[in-house]
Amino acid sequence: IKFQRTYETIIGLKALTANTEYNVTVVAFNNAGKGGKIKGNGATLPEAPAILLSAISSAQFNITLTEPTESCNLTYNCNITTTEMDISPKYVTGTELKYTVNDLSPGVTYTVECMSSNGEDSCDSSMDMITLHPQVYDVKTDKGVSDESPSLTVSWTAVSDESGITYTVWYSTSSVDEMEPPSGALTMSGITGTSTTLSGLTQGTMYYIWVAAVSLGGQGPYSTRVLNT
C-alpha cells in the first residue's frame, strides 16, 4: 500500500510494478478533518520494452525494441540525448519495434531511453547507450608497377576533421565474412594518412582488404570489403 499527500489535483505515482493492477483511492482533507473517499478504476501498467542499439554508420543507428509480454496496442516513445551541449535531443515515437535515428555525430555517446504506453498509462523506461565511431568509405586499390615484388596501394577518404584519428588496414588471402576480416588477417595500424602500400604480395593471388578508423573513443566499423588480384 502506498500513501502520498499532495495539494495538487494531479500527481504521478512512481516505483510501481509492470503488469500489476493498481486501485487508487483519493481522500480529501480540510481543517475540519477527513472528507469522503473517491475510488478510481484499476490500472495496469505496461512493461518497459527491452532495447537493442546497433550502429549502421558513423551517423546512424537502429533502435530495436522487444515487445513486452501481455502487450496490447502499445505506443513506444524514445528520447535520444547526449552530454554535448551543442547537440539537440532527438525523439522517435510510434507503434513499430524498430526505428532508425539519422544525422548523428561520430565519436559522440548517445543515451537512448524508451518507454511504452497503452494510451492511459506509461511504464518505467529502459535505457541503453551507444557511441558512433567514424567509419571509412571509398576504399580504393592500385597495383604496384613491379612484377618481381607485387604491391597494392590502398587509399580511402578521411572520415572527419577530428584530431587523433588513425587508420588500421587488414588484408588476407581468404575471407569468410564480407563485413569483417578473418582472425588470421595481416594488419597495418597507426596510419595517420589516407593511404598505405601493401608490399611482399604474391602475384596472381586474390587479396581481401578492410580499413577502419580509430578515434579517441575506439575503433570504428570496418569498411566495405575490397578485392584485388
Protein backbone atom coordinates (compact mmCIF):
# COMPACT_ATOMS: atom_id res chain seq x y z
CA ILE A 1 0.00 0.00 0.00
CA LYS A 2 1.36 3.40 -0.95
CA PHE A 3 0.32 6.76 0.55
CA GLN A 4 1.02 10.13 -0.98
CA ARG A 5 -0.16 13.50 0.35
CA THR A 6 -0.46 16.43 -2.01
CA TYR A 7 -2.13 19.80 -2.50
CA GLU A 8 -2.31 19.22 -6.28
CA THR A 9 -5.11 17.67 -8.30
CA ILE A 10 -2.72 15.64 -10.49
CA ILE A 11 0.15 13.52 -9.15
CA GLY A 12 2.46 10.84 -10.53
CA LEU A 13 2.97 7.53 -8.73
CA LYS A 14 6.46 6.05 -9.06
CA ALA A 15 8.28 2.77 -8.33
CA LEU A 16 5.31 0.67 -9.43
CA THR A 17 5.41 -2.83 -10.92
CA ALA A 18 4.58 -3.52 -14.55
CA ASN A 19 1.62 -5.80 -15.38
CA THR A 20 0.21 -5.27 -11.88
CA GLU A 21 -3.26 -3.80 -11.42
CA TYR A 22 -3.46 -0.87 -9.01
CA ASN A 23 -6.60 0.55 -7.40
CA VAL A 24 -6.41 4.18 -6.30
CA THR A 25 -8.47 5.78 -3.54
CA VAL A 26 -8.49 9.56 -3.06
CA VAL A 27 -9.48 11.15 0.24
CA ALA A 28 -9.94 14.92 0.68
CA PHE A 29 -8.89 16.69 3.89
CA ASN A 30 -9.50 20.19 5.19
CA ASN A 31 -9.01 21.92 8.54
CA ALA A 32 -12.14 20.28 9.87
CA GLY A 33 -10.88 16.77 9.12
CA LYS A 34 -11.25 13.98 6.59
CA GLY A 35 -13.89 14.06 3.88
CA GLY A 36 -15.34 11.34 1.71
CA LYS A 37 -13.43 8.81 -0.41
CA ILE A 38 -13.29 8.57 -4.18
CA LYS A 39 -12.16 5.22 -5.61
CA GLY A 40 -10.62 5.20 -9.08
CA ASN A 41 -10.69 2.47 -11.68
CA GLY A 42 -7.99 -0.18 -11.56
CA ALA A 43 -4.94 0.49 -13.77
CA THR A 44 -2.36 -1.98 -15.12
CA LEU A 45 1.00 -0.53 -16.18
CA PRO A 46 2.68 -1.87 -19.34
CA GLU A 47 6.20 -3.27 -19.11
CA ALA A 48 9.19 -1.27 -20.30
CA PRO A 49 10.47 -2.53 -23.69
CA ALA A 50 13.95 -4.04 -23.88
CA ILE A 51 16.33 -2.01 -26.08
CA LEU A 52 18.96 -3.18 -28.58
CA LEU A 53 21.11 -0.48 -30.24
CA SER A 54 23.16 -1.20 -33.39
CA ALA A 55 25.28 1.22 -35.42
CA ILE A 56 24.60 1.45 -39.16
CA SER A 57 27.24 4.05 -39.91
CA SER A 58 29.12 6.83 -38.13
CA ALA A 59 25.94 8.96 -38.33
CA GLN A 60 23.12 6.41 -37.89
CA PHE A 61 21.99 3.69 -35.53
CA ASN A 62 18.97 1.41 -35.19
CA ILE A 63 16.77 1.08 -32.12
CA THR A 64 15.22 -2.39 -31.89
CA LEU A 65 12.64 -2.92 -29.14
CA THR A 66 11.43 -6.20 -27.70
CA GLU A 67 7.66 -6.20 -27.32
CA PRO A 68 6.63 -6.51 -23.65
CA THR A 69 4.68 -9.59 -22.63
CA GLU A 70 0.89 -9.33 -22.50
CA SER A 71 1.08 -6.15 -24.58
CA CYS A 72 -1.86 -4.69 -26.47
CA ASN A 73 -1.93 -1.60 -28.69
CA LEU A 74 1.24 -0.13 -27.22
CA THR A 75 2.92 3.08 -28.37
CA TYR A 76 6.68 3.47 -27.88
CA ASN A 77 8.43 6.74 -27.09
CA CYS A 78 12.22 7.04 -27.20
CA ASN A 79 14.36 10.02 -26.23
CA ILE A 80 17.89 10.25 -27.67
CA THR A 81 20.19 12.59 -25.75
CA THR A 82 23.90 13.30 -25.26
CA THR A 83 26.00 15.32 -22.84
CA GLU A 84 27.24 17.51 -25.71
CA MET A 85 25.67 20.94 -25.14
CA ASP A 86 25.56 21.85 -28.85
CA ILE A 87 23.69 18.69 -29.93
CA SER A 88 19.89 18.83 -29.68
CA PRO A 89 17.95 15.83 -28.37
CA LYS A 90 16.04 13.63 -30.81
CA TYR A 91 12.76 11.79 -30.34
CA VAL A 92 11.08 8.84 -32.03
CA THR A 93 7.57 7.59 -31.37
CA GLY A 94 5.29 5.00 -32.92
CA THR A 95 3.88 1.51 -32.69
CA GLU A 96 6.72 -0.25 -34.56
CA LEU A 97 9.52 -2.19 -32.86
CA LYS A 98 12.41 -0.83 -34.98
CA TYR A 99 13.49 2.76 -35.67
CA THR A 100 16.45 4.37 -37.45
CA VAL A 101 17.98 7.53 -35.99
CA ASN A 102 19.80 9.69 -38.55
CA ASP A 103 22.00 12.79 -38.75
CA LEU A 104 24.13 11.92 -35.71
CA SER A 105 27.70 12.92 -34.84
CA PRO A 106 30.58 10.39 -34.95
CA GLY A 107 32.54 9.88 -31.75
CA VAL A 108 29.62 11.02 -29.57
CA THR A 109 27.96 8.78 -26.96
CA TYR A 110 24.16 8.80 -27.15
CA THR A 111 21.79 7.75 -24.37
CA VAL A 112 18.53 6.17 -25.52
CA GLU A 113 15.58 5.97 -23.11
CA CYS A 114 12.39 4.23 -24.24
CA MET A 115 9.03 3.63 -22.60
CA SER A 116 5.78 2.01 -23.67
CA SER A 117 2.30 3.43 -23.22
CA ASN A 118 -1.12 1.83 -23.58
CA GLY A 119 -2.83 5.17 -24.13
CA GLU A 120 -3.63 5.72 -20.48
CA ASP A 121 -0.53 4.75 -18.53
CA SER A 122 3.21 4.80 -19.20
CA CYS A 123 5.71 2.35 -17.78
CA ASP A 124 9.14 2.89 -16.29
CA SER A 125 11.71 3.42 -19.03
CA SER A 126 14.50 1.20 -20.34
CA MET A 127 17.86 2.79 -21.12
CA ASP A 128 20.96 1.98 -23.15
CA MET A 129 23.96 3.86 -24.60
CA ILE A 130 25.86 3.75 -27.90
CA THR A 131 28.95 5.52 -29.26
CA LEU A 132 29.17 6.10 -33.00
CA HIS A 133 32.76 5.77 -34.16
CA PRO A 134 33.81 7.20 -37.53
CA GLN A 135 33.57 4.77 -40.47
CA VAL A 136 35.83 4.62 -43.52
CA TYR A 137 34.32 4.88 -47.01
CA ASP A 138 35.57 4.97 -50.62
CA VAL A 139 38.40 2.46 -50.20
CA LYS A 140 40.35 2.01 -53.46
CA THR A 141 43.36 -0.04 -54.54
CA ASP A 142 46.06 0.44 -57.21
CA LYS A 143 48.55 -2.22 -58.29
CA GLY A 144 52.26 -1.65 -58.00
CA VAL A 145 54.38 -1.49 -61.17
CA SER A 146 56.91 -4.18 -60.29
CA ASP A 147 56.03 -7.78 -61.15
CA GLU A 148 59.01 -9.05 -59.12
CA SER A 149 57.61 -7.64 -55.88
CA PRO A 150 53.87 -7.10 -56.35
CA SER A 151 52.28 -4.44 -54.17
CA LEU A 152 48.95 -2.71 -53.71
CA THR A 153 48.38 0.91 -52.72
CA VAL A 154 45.24 1.22 -50.60
CA SER A 155 43.60 4.65 -50.27
CA TRP A 156 40.43 5.99 -48.66
CA THR A 157 38.59 9.19 -47.81
CA ALA A 158 39.34 10.87 -44.46
CA VAL A 159 36.47 10.26 -42.04
CA SER A 160 36.35 13.68 -40.31
CA ASP A 161 38.35 16.65 -39.08
CA GLU A 162 38.50 15.16 -35.58
CA SER A 163 42.04 15.20 -34.15
CA GLY A 164 43.78 11.99 -33.16
CA ILE A 165 42.29 9.84 -35.94
CA THR A 166 44.44 6.94 -37.18
CA TYR A 167 43.62 4.06 -39.52
CA THR A 168 44.15 0.30 -39.48
CA VAL A 169 44.26 -1.87 -42.63
CA TRP A 170 43.64 -5.63 -42.66
CA TYR A 171 44.44 -7.82 -45.67
CA SER A 172 44.11 -11.53 -46.24
CA THR A 173 44.03 -14.15 -48.99
CA SER A 174 40.84 -15.61 -47.53
CA SER A 175 37.52 -14.17 -46.42
CA VAL A 176 34.66 -15.81 -44.53
CA ASP A 177 32.64 -12.71 -43.66
CA GLU A 178 32.31 -9.74 -46.00
CA MET A 179 31.76 -7.43 -43.03
CA GLU A 180 34.98 -8.16 -41.12
CA PRO A 181 38.46 -9.65 -41.65
CA PRO A 182 39.32 -13.19 -40.55
CA SER A 183 41.29 -13.72 -37.36
CA GLY A 184 44.50 -14.51 -39.27
CA ALA A 185 44.49 -11.37 -41.42
CA LEU A 186 47.69 -9.30 -41.61
CA THR A 187 47.42 -5.83 -40.08
CA MET A 188 48.93 -2.40 -40.57
CA SER A 189 47.94 0.01 -37.79
CA GLY A 190 48.63 3.55 -36.63
CA ILE A 191 48.37 5.01 -40.16
CA THR A 192 47.87 8.78 -39.92
CA GLY A 193 47.31 9.50 -43.62
CA THR A 194 44.67 8.23 -46.03
CA SER A 195 46.76 5.67 -47.92
CA THR A 196 49.32 2.93 -47.41
CA THR A 197 51.17 0.37 -49.53
CA LEU A 198 50.92 -3.38 -49.04
CA SER A 199 54.14 -4.98 -50.27
CA GLY A 200 55.57 -8.51 -50.44
CA LEU A 201 52.40 -9.85 -52.02
CA THR A 202 52.05 -12.90 -54.27
CA GLN A 203 51.43 -12.38 -57.97
CA GLY A 204 48.02 -13.65 -59.20
CA THR A 205 46.61 -14.06 -55.67
CA MET A 206 43.27 -12.57 -54.60
CA TYR A 207 43.58 -10.22 -51.61
CA TYR A 208 40.69 -9.07 -49.42
CA ILE A 209 41.13 -5.69 -47.72
CA TRP A 210 39.31 -3.83 -44.93
CA VAL A 211 40.00 -0.42 -43.38
CA ALA A 212 38.80 1.05 -40.08
CA ALA A 213 39.27 4.41 -38.39
CA VAL A 214 40.43 4.61 -34.78
CA SER A 215 39.43 7.66 -32.73
CA LEU A 216 39.90 8.55 -29.07
CA GLY A 217 36.65 6.66 -28.42
CA GLY A 218 37.88 3.43 -30.01
CA GLN A 219 37.81 1.61 -33.33
CA GLY A 220 35.03 2.33 -35.78
CA PRO A 221 33.21 -0.13 -38.06
CA TYR A 222 35.08 -1.94 -40.82
CA SER A 223 34.82 -0.55 -44.32
CA THR A 224 33.17 -2.49 -47.09
CA ARG A 225 35.49 -5.32 -48.18
CA VAL A 226 37.65 -4.55 -51.23
CA LEU A 227 39.03 -7.29 -53.56
CA ASN A 228 42.09 -7.12 -55.76
CA THR A 229 44.26 -9.68 -57.57
